[in-house]
């Protein structure tokens, strides 16, 4: 019995040690970024520091005084990210629901096509996508950044797997007997059941769209339409070459919406995970 307790204690100690190491790997870079946002360029060049300095306002004046249009970047990124998140999560869930519930001839073909799309790297079709947008006269427009998000194969896969584990056909049949329409069943009954999965995919879609740099960089040419990551990238230009404090502050500011969105959506994930653990 004593040997078993010692072995269990050792296993827990190793697990906690690994957890602490991985937590530090995740947290320390963000902490250093926040610290450097409060330091001057001279202090940053001196080396790493774990404690904040007093140059946050000076860095802010440098950042806003040299053409960094923070409000414009926030508005553009927020508009694109919210629309992408809503379209991606809703229509991908709708596709997954159709494949899960309905039995039609091309069902397996469609599912295999989705699996194939997941395995193909996105960069493989990027050049063709840009050429197609150019021929369609959709360059310097938000449409190519928003509309293609409707077809998200990864989200369809996740939602389909989640439906396989939690969705009951008896619930759907009962709603049909009560006279509910198919879209009424999906919007009024199925979506509330899928809240944890919807919240998870919403976080992934929002963060992916917010941090997307390459596609807007290629498609957008007007500075008034630049997203926040594009504006942050501009901080590496000549006029900001030595203002590392301003650069770090711009990067830190760009992370604020992601943190707020995650904090808001995570409660739905937690509530969904604990929903089935309590019996009435």
Protein backbone atom coordinates (compact mmCIF):
# COMPACT_ATOMS: atom_id res chain seq x y z
CA UNK A 1 0.00 0.00 0.00
CA UNK A 2 2.84 2.34 0.87
CA UNK A 3 4.64 1.62 -2.39
CA UNK A 4 1.42 2.29 -4.30
CA UNK A 5 1.00 5.69 -2.62
CA UNK A 6 4.61 6.61 -3.35
CA UNK A 7 4.22 5.57 -6.98
CA UNK A 8 1.00 7.58 -7.29
CA UNK A 9 2.66 10.61 -5.67
CA UNK A 10 5.61 10.35 -8.07
CA UNK A 11 3.27 10.15 -11.08
CA UNK A 12 1.34 13.21 -9.91
CA UNK A 13 4.58 15.09 -9.30
CA UNK A 14 5.79 14.35 -12.84
CA UNK A 15 2.42 15.36 -14.32
CA UNK A 16 2.36 18.63 -12.39
CA UNK A 17 5.95 19.35 -13.41
CA UNK A 18 5.08 18.90 -17.08
CA UNK A 19 1.97 21.07 -16.66
CA UNK A 20 4.01 23.85 -15.07
CA UNK A 21 6.63 23.70 -17.84
CA UNK A 22 4.00 23.83 -20.60
CA UNK A 23 2.16 26.65 -18.80
CA UNK A 24 5.38 28.66 -18.62
CA UNK A 25 6.06 28.02 -22.31
CA UNK A 26 2.61 29.45 -23.11
CA UNK A 27 2.57 32.36 -20.65
CA UNK A 28 6.17 33.67 -20.61
CA UNK A 29 6.24 34.95 -24.25
CA UNK A 30 2.98 36.86 -23.69
CA UNK A 31 4.27 38.24 -20.40
CA UNK A 32 7.52 39.40 -22.03
CA UNK A 33 5.54 41.07 -24.81
CA UNK A 34 3.43 42.99 -22.25
CA UNK A 35 6.55 43.94 -20.31
CA UNK A 36 8.35 45.18 -23.43
CA UNK A 37 5.29 47.27 -24.29
CA UNK A 38 6.11 49.33 -21.18
CA UNK A 39 9.86 49.62 -21.83
CA UNK A 40 11.84 52.03 -23.96
CA UNK A 41 13.86 50.96 -26.98
CA UNK A 42 17.11 51.38 -25.04
CA UNK A 43 15.85 49.14 -22.23
CA UNK A 44 14.68 46.48 -24.71
CA UNK A 45 18.12 46.49 -26.38
CA UNK A 46 19.74 45.89 -22.98
CA UNK A 47 18.09 42.48 -22.63
CA UNK A 48 15.17 40.61 -21.12
CA UNK A 49 13.32 41.92 -18.09
CA UNK A 50 10.45 40.34 -16.16
CA UNK A 51 9.29 43.57 -14.57
CA UNK A 52 7.39 46.47 -16.22
CA UNK A 53 8.89 49.87 -16.83
CA UNK A 54 7.39 53.37 -17.03
CA UNK A 55 7.41 54.09 -20.76
CA UNK A 56 3.95 52.76 -21.68
CA UNK A 57 2.50 56.23 -22.35
CA UNK A 58 5.60 57.27 -24.28
CA UNK A 59 5.26 54.19 -26.46
CA UNK A 60 1.58 54.97 -26.96
CA UNK A 61 2.40 58.49 -28.14
CA UNK A 62 4.99 57.07 -30.53
CA UNK A 63 2.48 54.52 -31.78
CA UNK A 64 -0.41 56.92 -32.38
CA UNK A 65 1.76 59.81 -33.53
CA UNK A 66 3.19 58.09 -36.61
CA UNK A 67 0.14 57.08 -38.60
CA UNK A 68 -0.92 53.92 -36.77
CA UNK A 69 -4.70 54.07 -37.35
CA UNK A 70 -5.78 51.93 -34.43
CA UNK A 71 -9.51 52.67 -34.68
CA UNK A 72 -9.57 51.89 -38.40
CA UNK A 73 -7.70 48.62 -37.91
CA UNK A 74 -10.00 47.58 -35.07
CA UNK A 75 -13.13 48.36 -37.07
CA UNK A 76 -11.95 46.51 -40.17
CA UNK A 77 -10.68 43.44 -38.32
CA UNK A 78 -13.75 43.28 -36.09
CA UNK A 79 -16.14 43.54 -39.05
CA UNK A 80 -14.40 40.76 -40.97
CA UNK A 81 -13.89 38.50 -37.96
CA UNK A 82 -17.49 38.71 -36.72
CA UNK A 83 -18.96 38.02 -40.16
CA UNK A 84 -16.53 35.17 -40.81
CA UNK A 85 -17.31 33.62 -37.42
CA UNK A 86 -21.08 33.82 -37.88
CA UNK A 87 -21.09 32.49 -41.43
CA UNK A 88 -18.53 29.77 -40.81
CA UNK A 89 -20.11 28.38 -37.65
CA UNK A 90 -23.74 28.56 -38.83
CA UNK A 91 -23.42 27.17 -42.34
CA UNK A 92 -20.82 24.57 -41.39
CA UNK A 93 -23.17 23.36 -38.66
CA UNK A 94 -25.99 23.29 -41.18
CA UNK A 95 -23.94 21.13 -43.56
CA UNK A 96 -22.91 18.80 -40.73
CA UNK A 97 -26.55 18.51 -39.64
CA UNK A 98 -27.64 17.62 -43.17
CA UNK A 99 -24.99 14.90 -43.47
CA UNK A 100 -25.78 13.56 -40.00
CA UNK A 101 -29.58 13.47 -40.24
CA UNK A 102 -30.53 12.93 -43.87
CA UNK A 103 -29.81 9.77 -45.85
CA UNK A 104 -29.31 10.74 -49.51
CA UNK A 105 -27.38 9.05 -52.31
CA UNK A 106 -24.45 11.46 -52.49
CA UNK A 107 -24.00 11.55 -48.71
CA UNK A 108 -20.85 9.43 -48.59
CA UNK A 109 -19.41 11.18 -51.65
CA UNK A 110 -19.93 14.57 -50.01
CA UNK A 111 -18.36 13.38 -46.75
CA UNK A 112 -15.33 11.95 -48.57
CA UNK A 113 -14.99 15.25 -50.46
CA UNK A 114 -14.93 17.13 -47.15
CA UNK A 115 -12.25 14.77 -45.83
CA UNK A 116 -10.19 15.35 -48.97
CA UNK A 117 -10.48 19.13 -48.60
CA UNK A 118 -9.18 18.90 -45.04
CA UNK A 119 -6.08 17.00 -46.19
CA UNK A 120 -5.22 19.54 -48.90
CA UNK A 121 -3.03 22.44 -47.69
CA UNK A 122 -4.61 25.87 -48.05
CA UNK A 123 -1.49 27.24 -49.77
CA UNK A 124 -2.05 24.81 -52.64
CA UNK A 125 -5.04 26.76 -53.94
CA UNK A 126 -4.00 30.25 -52.81
CA UNK A 127 -2.56 31.42 -56.15
CA UNK A 128 -5.59 30.15 -58.05
CA UNK A 129 -7.88 31.83 -55.52
CA UNK A 130 -6.15 35.19 -55.97
CA UNK A 131 -6.30 34.89 -59.77
CA UNK A 132 -10.00 34.03 -59.60
CA UNK A 133 -10.69 37.04 -57.36
CA UNK A 134 -8.75 39.26 -59.75
CA UNK A 135 -10.78 38.07 -62.76
CA UNK A 136 -13.98 38.54 -60.76
CA UNK A 137 -12.91 42.15 -59.98
CA UNK A 138 -13.08 41.52 -56.22
CA UNK A 139 -9.60 42.75 -55.35
CA UNK A 140 -9.40 45.36 -52.58
CA UNK A 141 -12.73 44.08 -51.24
CA UNK A 142 -13.82 42.31 -48.07
CA UNK A 143 -15.96 39.84 -50.02
CA UNK A 144 -13.10 37.35 -50.72
CA UNK A 145 -12.22 37.47 -47.02
CA UNK A 146 -15.76 36.75 -45.78
CA UNK A 147 -17.78 34.69 -48.27
CA UNK A 148 -15.32 31.74 -48.67
CA UNK A 149 -15.55 31.17 -44.91
CA UNK A 150 -18.98 29.62 -45.47
CA UNK A 151 -17.22 26.48 -46.76
CA UNK A 152 -15.13 25.42 -43.76
CA UNK A 153 -14.36 21.72 -44.04
CA UNK A 154 -12.65 21.53 -40.65
CA UNK A 155 -15.64 23.04 -38.87
CA UNK A 156 -17.99 20.63 -40.67
CA UNK A 157 -15.88 17.69 -39.50
CA UNK A 158 -15.84 18.87 -35.88
CA UNK A 159 -19.58 19.57 -35.80
CA UNK A 160 -20.40 16.24 -37.45
CA UNK A 161 -18.36 14.34 -34.88
CA UNK A 162 -19.99 16.29 -32.05
CA UNK A 163 -23.47 15.57 -33.41
CA UNK A 164 -22.65 11.86 -33.59
CA UNK A 165 -22.00 11.88 -29.83
CA UNK A 166 -24.78 14.12 -28.46
CA UNK A 167 -27.60 14.45 -30.99
CA UNK A 168 -30.64 12.21 -30.58
CA UNK A 169 -32.80 11.30 -33.58
CA UNK A 170 -35.78 10.88 -31.23
CA UNK A 171 -35.59 14.59 -30.45
CA UNK A 172 -35.77 15.44 -34.16
CA UNK A 173 -38.64 13.00 -34.77
CA UNK A 174 -40.59 14.43 -31.84
CA UNK A 175 -40.19 17.95 -33.24
CA UNK A 176 -41.39 16.78 -36.65
CA UNK A 177 -44.46 15.15 -35.12
CA UNK A 178 -45.24 18.44 -33.38
CA UNK A 179 -45.23 20.12 -36.80
CA UNK A 180 -41.92 21.96 -36.67
CA UNK A 181 -40.25 22.76 -39.99
CA UNK A 182 -36.78 21.45 -40.82
CA UNK A 183 -35.17 24.88 -40.46
CA UNK A 184 -37.24 25.47 -37.34
CA UNK A 185 -35.86 22.26 -35.82
CA UNK A 186 -32.30 23.23 -36.67
CA UNK A 187 -32.52 26.84 -35.50
CA UNK A 188 -34.73 26.34 -32.44
CA UNK A 189 -33.76 22.90 -31.14
CA UNK A 190 -30.45 21.70 -32.58
CA UNK A 191 -28.37 24.87 -32.24
CA UNK A 192 -29.01 25.24 -28.47
CA UNK A 193 -27.89 21.62 -28.00
CA UNK A 194 -24.69 22.38 -29.93
CA UNK A 195 -23.69 25.43 -27.86
CA UNK A 196 -20.38 24.02 -26.54
CA UNK A 197 -19.27 22.95 -30.03
CA UNK A 198 -20.47 26.22 -31.54
CA UNK A 199 -18.54 28.21 -28.94
CA UNK A 200 -15.39 26.17 -29.58
CA UNK A 201 -15.54 26.66 -33.33
CA UNK A 202 -16.46 30.32 -32.91
CA UNK A 203 -13.25 30.87 -30.96
CA UNK A 204 -11.17 29.11 -33.62
CA UNK A 205 -12.88 30.99 -36.46
CA UNK A 206 -12.59 34.39 -34.77
CA UNK A 207 -8.94 33.98 -33.81
CA UNK A 208 -8.05 32.59 -37.24
CA UNK A 209 -9.77 35.46 -39.03
CA UNK A 210 -8.38 38.12 -36.65
CA UNK A 211 -4.80 36.88 -37.06
CA UNK A 212 -5.10 36.30 -40.80
CA UNK A 213 -2.40 38.36 -42.48
CA UNK A 214 -1.45 36.83 -45.81
CA UNK A 215 -4.85 36.84 -47.53
CA UNK A 216 -5.72 40.49 -46.67
CA UNK A 217 -2.14 41.48 -47.48
CA UNK A 218 -2.48 40.12 -51.02
CA UNK A 219 -6.08 41.17 -51.67
CA UNK A 220 -6.28 44.61 -50.03
CA UNK A 221 -4.46 47.63 -51.41
CA UNK A 222 -6.22 50.56 -49.72
CA UNK A 223 -4.80 51.54 -46.34
CA UNK A 224 -8.30 52.48 -45.17
CA UNK A 225 -9.27 48.80 -45.50
CA UNK A 226 -6.20 47.38 -43.77
CA UNK A 227 -6.82 44.97 -40.92
CA UNK A 228 -5.05 45.32 -37.57
CA UNK A 229 -2.39 42.63 -38.27
CA UNK A 230 -1.52 44.50 -41.49
CA UNK A 231 -1.14 47.75 -39.59
CA UNK A 232 1.04 46.02 -37.00
CA UNK A 233 3.20 44.66 -39.81
CA UNK A 234 3.64 48.24 -41.07
CA UNK A 235 5.28 49.10 -37.75
CA UNK A 236 8.39 47.30 -38.99
CA UNK A 237 8.93 49.99 -41.62
CA UNK A 238 11.77 52.50 -41.60
CA UNK A 239 10.16 55.06 -39.31
CA UNK A 240 9.57 52.42 -36.63
CA UNK A 241 12.86 50.61 -37.00
CA UNK A 242 14.21 51.67 -33.60
CA UNK A 243 10.89 52.09 -31.75
CA UNK A 244 10.61 48.56 -30.42
CA UNK A 245 8.48 49.69 -27.50
CA UNK A 246 5.86 51.02 -29.89
CA UNK A 247 5.96 47.80 -31.89
CA UNK A 248 5.40 45.65 -28.80
CA UNK A 249 2.59 47.93 -27.66
CA UNK A 250 0.89 47.65 -31.06
CA UNK A 251 1.09 43.84 -30.91
CA UNK A 252 -0.26 43.82 -27.34
CA UNK A 253 -3.20 46.02 -28.30
CA UNK A 254 -4.07 43.71 -31.19
CA UNK A 255 -4.48 40.79 -28.75
CA UNK A 256 -7.12 42.48 -26.59
CA UNK A 257 -10.18 41.53 -28.73
CA UNK A 258 -9.02 37.90 -28.89
CA UNK A 259 -8.78 37.70 -25.10
CA UNK A 260 -12.20 39.34 -24.63
CA UNK A 261 -13.85 37.06 -27.21
CA UNK A 262 -12.33 33.95 -25.64
CA UNK A 263 -13.40 34.99 -22.14
CA UNK A 264 -16.95 35.56 -23.39
CA UNK A 265 -17.27 32.29 -25.34
CA UNK A 266 -15.46 30.01 -22.90
CA UNK A 267 -18.36 30.08 -20.45
CA UNK A 268 -20.54 28.33 -23.02
CA UNK A 269 -17.93 25.61 -23.41
CA UNK A 270 -17.70 25.08 -19.64
CA UNK A 271 -21.49 25.12 -19.15
CA UNK A 272 -21.92 22.61 -21.97
CA UNK A 273 -19.30 20.27 -20.54
CA UNK A 274 -20.88 20.32 -17.08
CA UNK A 275 -24.47 20.10 -18.34
CA UNK A 276 -24.47 16.33 -18.64
CA UNK A 277 -22.72 15.70 -15.34
CA UNK A 278 -25.66 16.79 -13.17
CA UNK A 279 -28.73 14.57 -12.86
CA UNK A 280 -32.04 16.05 -11.86
